[in-house]
PDB file of all heavy atoms in Angstrom:
ATOM      1  N   VAL A   1      -5.513  -6.118  11.694  1.00  0.00           N
ATOM      2  CA  VAL A   1      -6.364  -6.413  10.535  1.00  0.00           C
ATOM      3  C   VAL A   1      -7.314  -7.559  10.906  1.00  0.00           C
ATOM      4  O   VAL A   1      -8.521  -7.502  10.664  1.00  0.00           O
ATOM      5  CB  VAL A   1      -5.536  -6.806   9.284  1.00  0.00           C
ATOM      6  CG1 VAL A   1      -6.429  -7.255   8.145  1.00  0.00           C
ATOM      7  CG2 VAL A   1      -4.618  -5.667   8.858  1.00  0.00           C
ATOM      8  N   LEU A   2      -6.756  -8.592  11.506  1.00  0.00           N
ATOM      9  CA  LEU A   2      -7.529  -9.795  11.844  1.00  0.00           C
ATOM     10  C   LEU A   2      -8.570  -9.535  12.928  1.00  0.00           C
ATOM     11  O   LEU A   2      -9.635 -10.151  12.912  1.00  0.00           O
ATOM     12  CB  LEU A   2      -6.580 -10.909  12.315  1.00  0.00           C
ATOM     13  CG  LEU A   2      -5.487 -11.312  11.323  1.00  0.00           C
ATOM     14  CD1 LEU A   2      -4.556 -12.325  11.968  1.00  0.00           C
ATOM     15  CD2 LEU A   2      -6.092 -11.846  10.041  1.00  0.00           C
ATOM     16  N   GLN A   3      -8.269  -8.649  13.850  1.00  0.00           N
ATOM     17  CA  GLN A   3      -9.156  -8.367  14.985  1.00  0.00           C
ATOM     18  C   GLN A   3     -10.351  -7.493  14.610  1.00  0.00           C
ATOM     19  O   GLN A   3     -11.241  -7.305  15.432  1.00  0.00           O
ATOM     20  CB  GLN A   3      -8.378  -7.674  16.104  1.00  0.00           C
ATOM     21  CG  GLN A   3      -7.372  -8.537  16.778  1.00  0.00           C
ATOM     22  CD  GLN A   3      -6.413  -7.793  17.688  1.00  0.00           C
ATOM     23  OE1 GLN A   3      -5.445  -8.379  18.119  1.00  0.00           O
ATOM     24  NE2 GLN A   3      -6.654  -6.547  17.989  1.00  0.00           N
ATOM     25  N   ASP A   4     -10.353  -6.960  13.429  1.00  0.00           N
ATOM     26  CA  ASP A   4     -11.428  -6.094  12.989  1.00  0.00           C
ATOM     27  C   ASP A   4     -12.178  -6.787  11.854  1.00  0.00           C
ATOM     28  O   ASP A   4     -11.581  -7.117  10.818  1.00  0.00           O
ATOM     29  CB  ASP A   4     -10.838  -4.753  12.503  1.00  0.00           C
ATOM     30  CG  ASP A   4     -11.908  -3.752  12.197  1.00  0.00           C
ATOM     31  OD1 ASP A   4     -12.593  -3.905  11.161  1.00  0.00           O
ATOM     32  OD2 ASP A   4     -12.071  -2.803  12.978  1.00  0.00           O
ATOM     33  N   ALA A   5     -13.469  -7.035  12.027  1.00  0.00           N
ATOM     34  CA  ALA A   5     -14.241  -7.763  11.021  1.00  0.00           C
ATOM     35  C   ALA A   5     -14.161  -7.104   9.649  1.00  0.00           C
ATOM     36  O   ALA A   5     -13.995  -7.787   8.635  1.00  0.00           O
ATOM     37  CB  ALA A   5     -15.696  -7.895  11.474  1.00  0.00           C
ATOM     38  N   GLU A   6     -14.256  -5.792   9.623  1.00  0.00           N
ATOM     39  CA  GLU A   6     -14.179  -5.081   8.333  1.00  0.00           C
ATOM     40  C   GLU A   6     -12.789  -5.200   7.724  1.00  0.00           C
ATOM     41  O   GLU A   6     -12.636  -5.405   6.518  1.00  0.00           O
ATOM     42  CB  GLU A   6     -14.551  -3.603   8.517  1.00  0.00           C
ATOM     43  CG  GLU A   6     -14.593  -2.834   7.225  1.00  0.00           C
ATOM     44  CD  GLU A   6     -14.958  -1.363   7.428  1.00  0.00           C
ATOM     45  OE1 GLU A   6     -15.970  -1.095   8.103  1.00  0.00           O
ATOM     46  OE2 GLU A   6     -14.226  -0.514   6.904  1.00  0.00           O
ATOM     47  N   GLY A   7     -11.750  -5.096   8.552  1.00  0.00           N
ATOM     48  CA  GLY A   7     -10.376  -5.215   8.065  1.00  0.00           C
ATOM     49  C   GLY A   7     -10.103  -6.607   7.501  1.00  0.00           C
ATOM     50  O   GLY A   7      -9.490  -6.746   6.435  1.00  0.00           O
ATOM     51  N   LEU A   8     -10.561  -7.626   8.202  1.00  0.00           N
ATOM     52  CA  LEU A   8     -10.361  -8.997   7.739  1.00  0.00           C
ATOM     53  C   LEU A   8     -11.105  -9.234   6.429  1.00  0.00           C
ATOM     54  O   LEU A   8     -10.546  -9.797   5.481  1.00  0.00           O
ATOM     55  CB  LEU A   8     -10.828  -9.992   8.808  1.00  0.00           C
ATOM     56  CG  LEU A   8     -10.726 -11.470   8.431  1.00  0.00           C
ATOM     57  CD1 LEU A   8      -9.300 -11.858   8.076  1.00  0.00           C
ATOM     58  CD2 LEU A   8     -11.263 -12.326   9.573  1.00  0.00           C
ATOM     59  N   LYS A   9     -12.339  -8.778   6.353  1.00  0.00           N
ATOM     60  CA  LYS A   9     -13.114  -8.937   5.115  1.00  0.00           C
ATOM     61  C   LYS A   9     -12.448  -8.198   3.963  1.00  0.00           C
ATOM     62  O   LYS A   9     -12.333  -8.734   2.849  1.00  0.00           O
ATOM     63  CB  LYS A   9     -14.544  -8.432   5.317  1.00  0.00           C
ATOM     64  CG  LYS A   9     -15.427  -8.640   4.087  1.00  0.00           C
ATOM     65  CD  LYS A   9     -16.867  -8.279   4.354  1.00  0.00           C
ATOM     66  CE  LYS A   9     -17.787  -8.510   3.197  1.00  0.00           C
ATOM     67  NZ  LYS A   9     -17.278  -8.781   1.905  1.00  0.00           N
ATOM     68  N   LEU A  10     -11.974  -7.015   4.217  1.00  0.00           N
ATOM     69  CA  LEU A  10     -11.290  -6.222   3.196  1.00  0.00           C
ATOM     70  C   LEU A  10     -10.027  -6.932   2.711  1.00  0.00           C
ATOM     71  O   LEU A  10      -9.755  -6.978   1.501  1.00  0.00           O
ATOM     72  CB  LEU A  10     -10.948  -4.840   3.767  1.00  0.00           C
ATOM     73  CG  LEU A  10     -10.501  -3.771   2.805  1.00  0.00           C
ATOM     74  CD1 LEU A  10     -11.544  -3.483   1.751  1.00  0.00           C
ATOM     75  CD2 LEU A  10     -10.176  -2.494   3.582  1.00  0.00           C
ATOM     76  N   ALA A  11      -9.263  -7.521   3.617  1.00  0.00           N
ATOM     77  CA  ALA A  11      -8.039  -8.245   3.255  1.00  0.00           C
ATOM     78  C   ALA A  11      -8.359  -9.433   2.355  1.00  0.00           C
ATOM     79  O   ALA A  11      -7.726  -9.615   1.302  1.00  0.00           O
ATOM     80  CB  ALA A  11      -7.297  -8.700   4.513  1.00  0.00           C
ATOM     81  N   ILE A  12      -9.341 -10.229   2.753  1.00  0.00           N
ATOM     82  CA  ILE A  12      -9.712 -11.405   1.955  1.00  0.00           C
ATOM     83  C   ILE A  12     -10.280 -10.972   0.601  1.00  0.00           C
ATOM     84  O   ILE A  12      -9.916 -11.516  -0.437  1.00  0.00           O
ATOM     85  CB  ILE A  12     -10.710 -12.299   2.718  1.00  0.00           C
ATOM     86  CG1 ILE A  12     -10.109 -12.806   4.030  1.00  0.00           C
ATOM     87  CG2 ILE A  12     -11.185 -13.451   1.838  1.00  0.00           C
ATOM     88  CD1 ILE A  12      -8.853 -13.614   3.893  1.00  0.00           C
ATOM     89  N   ASP A  13     -11.150  -9.969   0.609  1.00  0.00           N
ATOM     90  CA  ASP A  13     -11.734  -9.476  -0.653  1.00  0.00           C
ATOM     91  C   ASP A  13     -10.659  -8.959  -1.599  1.00  0.00           C
ATOM     92  O   ASP A  13     -10.726  -9.196  -2.809  1.00  0.00           O
ATOM     93  CB  ASP A  13     -12.753  -8.372  -0.390  1.00  0.00           C
ATOM     94  CG  ASP A  13     -14.053  -8.887   0.202  1.00  0.00           C
ATOM     95  OD1 ASP A  13     -14.264 -10.125   0.238  1.00  0.00           O
ATOM     96  OD2 ASP A  13     -14.869  -8.052   0.653  1.00  0.00           O
ATOM     97  N   ALA A  14      -9.666  -8.268  -1.072  1.00  0.00           N
ATOM     98  CA  ALA A  14      -8.585  -7.736  -1.911  1.00  0.00           C
ATOM     99  C   ALA A  14      -7.778  -8.867  -2.532  1.00  0.00           C
ATOM    100  O   ALA A  14      -7.422  -8.825  -3.721  1.00  0.00           O
ATOM    101  CB  ALA A  14      -7.671  -6.827  -1.085  1.00  0.00           C
ATOM    102  N   MET A  15      -7.503  -9.896  -1.746  1.00  0.00           N
ATOM    103  CA  MET A  15      -6.743 -11.027  -2.261  1.00  0.00           C
ATOM    104  C   MET A  15      -7.570 -11.815  -3.286  1.00  0.00           C
ATOM    105  O   MET A  15      -7.037 -12.260  -4.305  1.00  0.00           O
ATOM    106  CB  MET A  15      -6.250 -11.891  -1.103  1.00  0.00           C
ATOM    107  CG  MET A  15      -5.238 -11.134  -0.229  1.00  0.00           C
ATOM    108  SD  MET A  15      -4.776 -11.997   1.272  1.00  0.00           S
ATOM    109  CE  MET A  15      -3.191 -12.660   0.769  1.00  0.00           C
ATOM    110  N   LEU A  16      -8.858 -11.957  -3.016  1.00  0.00           N
ATOM    111  CA  LEU A  16      -9.744 -12.624  -3.986  1.00  0.00           C
ATOM    112  C   LEU A  16      -9.783 -11.855  -5.305  1.00  0.00           C
ATOM    113  O   LEU A  16      -9.791 -12.450  -6.385  1.00  0.00           O
ATOM    114  CB  LEU A  16     -11.149 -12.755  -3.411  1.00  0.00           C
ATOM    115  CG  LEU A  16     -11.359 -13.861  -2.381  1.00  0.00           C
ATOM    116  CD1 LEU A  16     -12.705 -13.699  -1.684  1.00  0.00           C
ATOM    117  CD2 LEU A  16     -11.252 -15.228  -3.033  1.00  0.00           C
ATOM    118  N   ALA A  17      -9.808 -10.534  -5.228  1.00  0.00           N
ATOM    119  CA  ALA A  17      -9.840  -9.708  -6.443  1.00  0.00           C
ATOM    120  C   ALA A  17      -8.606  -9.941  -7.293  1.00  0.00           C
ATOM    121  O   ALA A  17      -8.676  -9.908  -8.534  1.00  0.00           O
ATOM    122  CB  ALA A  17      -9.971  -8.229  -6.077  1.00  0.00           C
ATOM    123  N   GLU A  18      -7.476 -10.230  -6.656  1.00  0.00           N
ATOM    124  CA  GLU A  18      -6.237 -10.516  -7.396  1.00  0.00           C
ATOM    125  C   GLU A  18      -6.322 -11.829  -8.188  1.00  0.00           C
ATOM    126  O   GLU A  18      -5.510 -12.065  -9.060  1.00  0.00           O
ATOM    127  CB  GLU A  18      -5.037 -10.568  -6.442  1.00  0.00           C
ATOM    128  CG  GLU A  18      -4.521  -9.223  -6.032  1.00  0.00           C
ATOM    129  CD  GLU A  18      -3.887  -8.456  -7.172  1.00  0.00           C
ATOM    130  OE1 GLU A  18      -3.460  -9.076  -8.178  1.00  0.00           O
ATOM    131  OE2 GLU A  18      -3.821  -7.220  -7.085  1.00  0.00           O
ATOM    132  N   LEU A  19      -7.284 -12.666  -7.825  1.00  0.00           N
ATOM    133  CA  LEU A  19      -7.404 -13.967  -8.484  1.00  0.00           C
ATOM    134  C   LEU A  19      -8.443 -13.989  -9.599  1.00  0.00           C
ATOM    135  O   LEU A  19      -8.608 -15.028 -10.247  1.00  0.00           O
ATOM    136  CB  LEU A  19      -7.732 -15.049  -7.444  1.00  0.00           C
ATOM    137  CG  LEU A  19      -6.579 -15.346  -6.492  1.00  0.00           C
ATOM    138  CD1 LEU A  19      -7.029 -16.292  -5.401  1.00  0.00           C
ATOM    139  CD2 LEU A  19      -5.398 -15.905  -7.262  1.00  0.00           C
ATOM    140  N   GLU A  20      -9.108 -12.882  -9.833  1.00  0.00           N
ATOM    141  CA  GLU A  20     -10.085 -12.825 -10.921  1.00  0.00           C
ATOM    142  C   GLU A  20      -9.395 -13.152 -12.240  1.00  0.00           C
ATOM    143  O   GLU A  20      -8.367 -12.575 -12.571  1.00  0.00           O
ATOM    144  CB  GLU A  20     -10.754 -11.444 -10.969  1.00  0.00           C
ATOM    145  CG  GLU A  20     -11.713 -11.219  -9.818  1.00  0.00           C
ATOM    146  CD  GLU A  20     -12.329  -9.836  -9.825  1.00  0.00           C
ATOM    147  OE1 GLU A  20     -12.263  -9.128 -10.862  1.00  0.00           O
ATOM    148  OE2 GLU A  20     -12.876  -9.460  -8.779  1.00  0.00           O
ATOM    149  N   GLY A  21      -9.935 -14.121 -12.949  1.00  0.00           N
ATOM    150  CA  GLY A  21      -9.398 -14.513 -14.240  1.00  0.00           C
ATOM    151  C   GLY A  21      -8.214 -15.471 -14.172  1.00  0.00           C
ATOM    152  O   GLY A  21      -7.695 -15.860 -15.218  1.00  0.00           O
ATOM    153  N   VAL A  22      -7.774 -15.847 -12.975  1.00  0.00           N
ATOM    154  CA  VAL A  22      -6.652 -16.791 -12.846  1.00  0.00           C
ATOM    155  C   VAL A  22      -7.211 -18.209 -12.818  1.00  0.00           C
ATOM    156  O   VAL A  22      -8.094 -18.523 -12.026  1.00  0.00           O
ATOM    157  CB  VAL A  22      -5.836 -16.505 -11.557  1.00  0.00           C
ATOM    158  CG1 VAL A  22      -4.715 -17.527 -11.402  1.00  0.00           C
ATOM    159  CG2 VAL A  22      -5.285 -15.085 -11.567  1.00  0.00           C
ATOM    160  N   ASP A  23      -6.677 -19.057 -13.669  1.00  0.00           N
ATOM    161  CA  ASP A  23      -7.095 -20.452 -13.745  1.00  0.00           C
ATOM    162  C   ASP A  23      -6.179 -21.278 -12.843  1.00  0.00           C
ATOM    163  O   ASP A  23      -4.965 -21.341 -13.073  1.00  0.00           O
ATOM    164  CB  ASP A  23      -6.975 -20.939 -15.198  1.00  0.00           C
ATOM    165  CG  ASP A  23      -7.336 -22.408 -15.355  1.00  0.00           C
ATOM    166  OD1 ASP A  23      -8.140 -22.926 -14.549  1.00  0.00           O
ATOM    167  OD2 ASP A  23      -6.779 -23.038 -16.278  1.00  0.00           O
ATOM    168  N   PHE A  24      -6.739 -21.877 -11.787  1.00  0.00           N
ATOM    169  CA  PHE A  24      -5.933 -22.677 -10.875  1.00  0.00           C
ATOM    170  C   PHE A  24      -6.802 -23.733 -10.197  1.00  0.00           C
ATOM    171  O   PHE A  24      -8.017 -23.662 -10.214  1.00  0.00           O
ATOM    172  CB  PHE A  24      -5.239 -21.801  -9.834  1.00  0.00           C
ATOM    173  CG  PHE A  24      -6.158 -21.132  -8.850  1.00  0.00           C
ATOM    174  CD1 PHE A  24      -6.353 -21.664  -7.586  1.00  0.00           C
ATOM    175  CD2 PHE A  24      -6.836 -19.966  -9.185  1.00  0.00           C
ATOM    176  CE1 PHE A  24      -7.193 -21.047  -6.683  1.00  0.00           C
ATOM    177  CE2 PHE A  24      -7.678 -19.346  -8.284  1.00  0.00           C
ATOM    178  CZ  PHE A  24      -7.859 -19.890  -7.022  1.00  0.00           C
ATOM    179  N   ASP A  25      -6.104 -24.722  -9.614  1.00  0.00           N
ATOM    180  CA  ASP A  25      -6.781 -25.875  -9.006  1.00  0.00           C
ATOM    181  C   ASP A  25      -6.755 -25.876  -7.484  1.00  0.00           C
ATOM    182  O   ASP A  25      -7.690 -26.365  -6.852  1.00  0.00           O
ATOM    183  CB  ASP A  25      -6.121 -27.181  -9.490  1.00  0.00           C
ATOM    184  CG  ASP A  25      -6.123 -27.285 -11.005  1.00  0.00           C
ATOM    185  OD1 ASP A  25      -7.210 -27.182 -11.599  1.00  0.00           O
ATOM    186  OD2 ASP A  25      -5.031 -27.452 -11.588  1.00  0.00           O
ATOM    187  N   VAL A  26      -5.651 -25.410  -6.882  1.00  0.00           N
ATOM    188  CA  VAL A  26      -5.472 -25.495  -5.429  1.00  0.00           C
ATOM    189  C   VAL A  26      -4.882 -24.210  -4.884  1.00  0.00           C
ATOM    190  O   VAL A  26      -4.190 -23.471  -5.599  1.00  0.00           O
ATOM    191  CB  VAL A  26      -4.556 -26.679  -5.027  1.00  0.00           C
ATOM    192  CG1 VAL A  26      -5.143 -28.014  -5.451  1.00  0.00           C
ATOM    193  CG2 VAL A  26      -3.150 -26.511  -5.567  1.00  0.00           C
ATOM    194  N   VAL A  27      -5.150 -23.973  -3.596  1.00  0.00           N
ATOM    195  CA  VAL A  27      -4.546 -22.872  -2.861  1.00  0.00           C
ATOM    196  C   VAL A  27      -3.558 -23.479  -1.885  1.00  0.00           C
ATOM    197  O   VAL A  27      -3.914 -24.395  -1.129  1.00  0.00           O
ATOM    198  CB  VAL A  27      -5.600 -22.048  -2.089  1.00  0.00           C
ATOM    199  CG1 VAL A  27      -4.926 -20.968  -1.236  1.00  0.00           C
ATOM    200  CG2 VAL A  27      -6.609 -21.424  -3.050  1.00  0.00           C
ATOM    201  N   VAL A  28      -2.318 -22.995  -1.904  1.00  0.00           N
ATOM    202  CA  VAL A  28      -1.286 -23.459  -0.983  1.00  0.00           C
ATOM    203  C   VAL A  28      -0.928 -22.292  -0.070  1.00  0.00           C
ATOM    204  O   VAL A  28      -0.592 -21.204  -0.546  1.00  0.00           O
ATOM    205  CB  VAL A  28      -0.025 -23.936  -1.734  1.00  0.00           C
ATOM    206  CG1 VAL A  28       1.039 -24.414  -0.761  1.00  0.00           C
ATOM    207  CG2 VAL A  28      -0.370 -25.036  -2.733  1.00  0.00           C
ATOM    208  N   GLY A  29      -1.019 -22.511   1.234  1.00  0.00           N
ATOM    209  CA  GLY A  29      -0.683 -21.483   2.206  1.00  0.00           C
ATOM    210  C   GLY A  29       0.492 -21.910   3.055  1.00  0.00           C
ATOM    211  O   GLY A  29       0.584 -23.074   3.452  1.00  0.00           O
ATOM    212  N   THR A  30       1.398 -20.977   3.318  1.00  0.00           N
ATOM    213  CA  THR A  30       2.556 -21.277   4.150  1.00  0.00           C
ATOM    214  C   THR A  30       2.243 -21.024   5.615  1.00  0.00           C
ATOM    215  O   THR A  30       1.493 -20.109   5.958  1.00  0.00           O
ATOM    216  CB  THR A  30       3.779 -20.435   3.718  1.00  0.00           C
ATOM    217  OG1 THR A  30       3.400 -19.064   3.715  1.00  0.00           O
ATOM    218  CG2 THR A  30       4.267 -20.826   2.343  1.00  0.00           C
TER     219      THR A  30
END
C-alpha cells in the first residue's frame, strides 16, 4: 500500500473520510 502512490493516497483519504464530522483536537499514533 505504502509503495504505491495511489494506494497510499487511497488509504489516507479513506481514513480522513472516517473523521468527517468528528470533533477532536489531536491525532495520536502508535
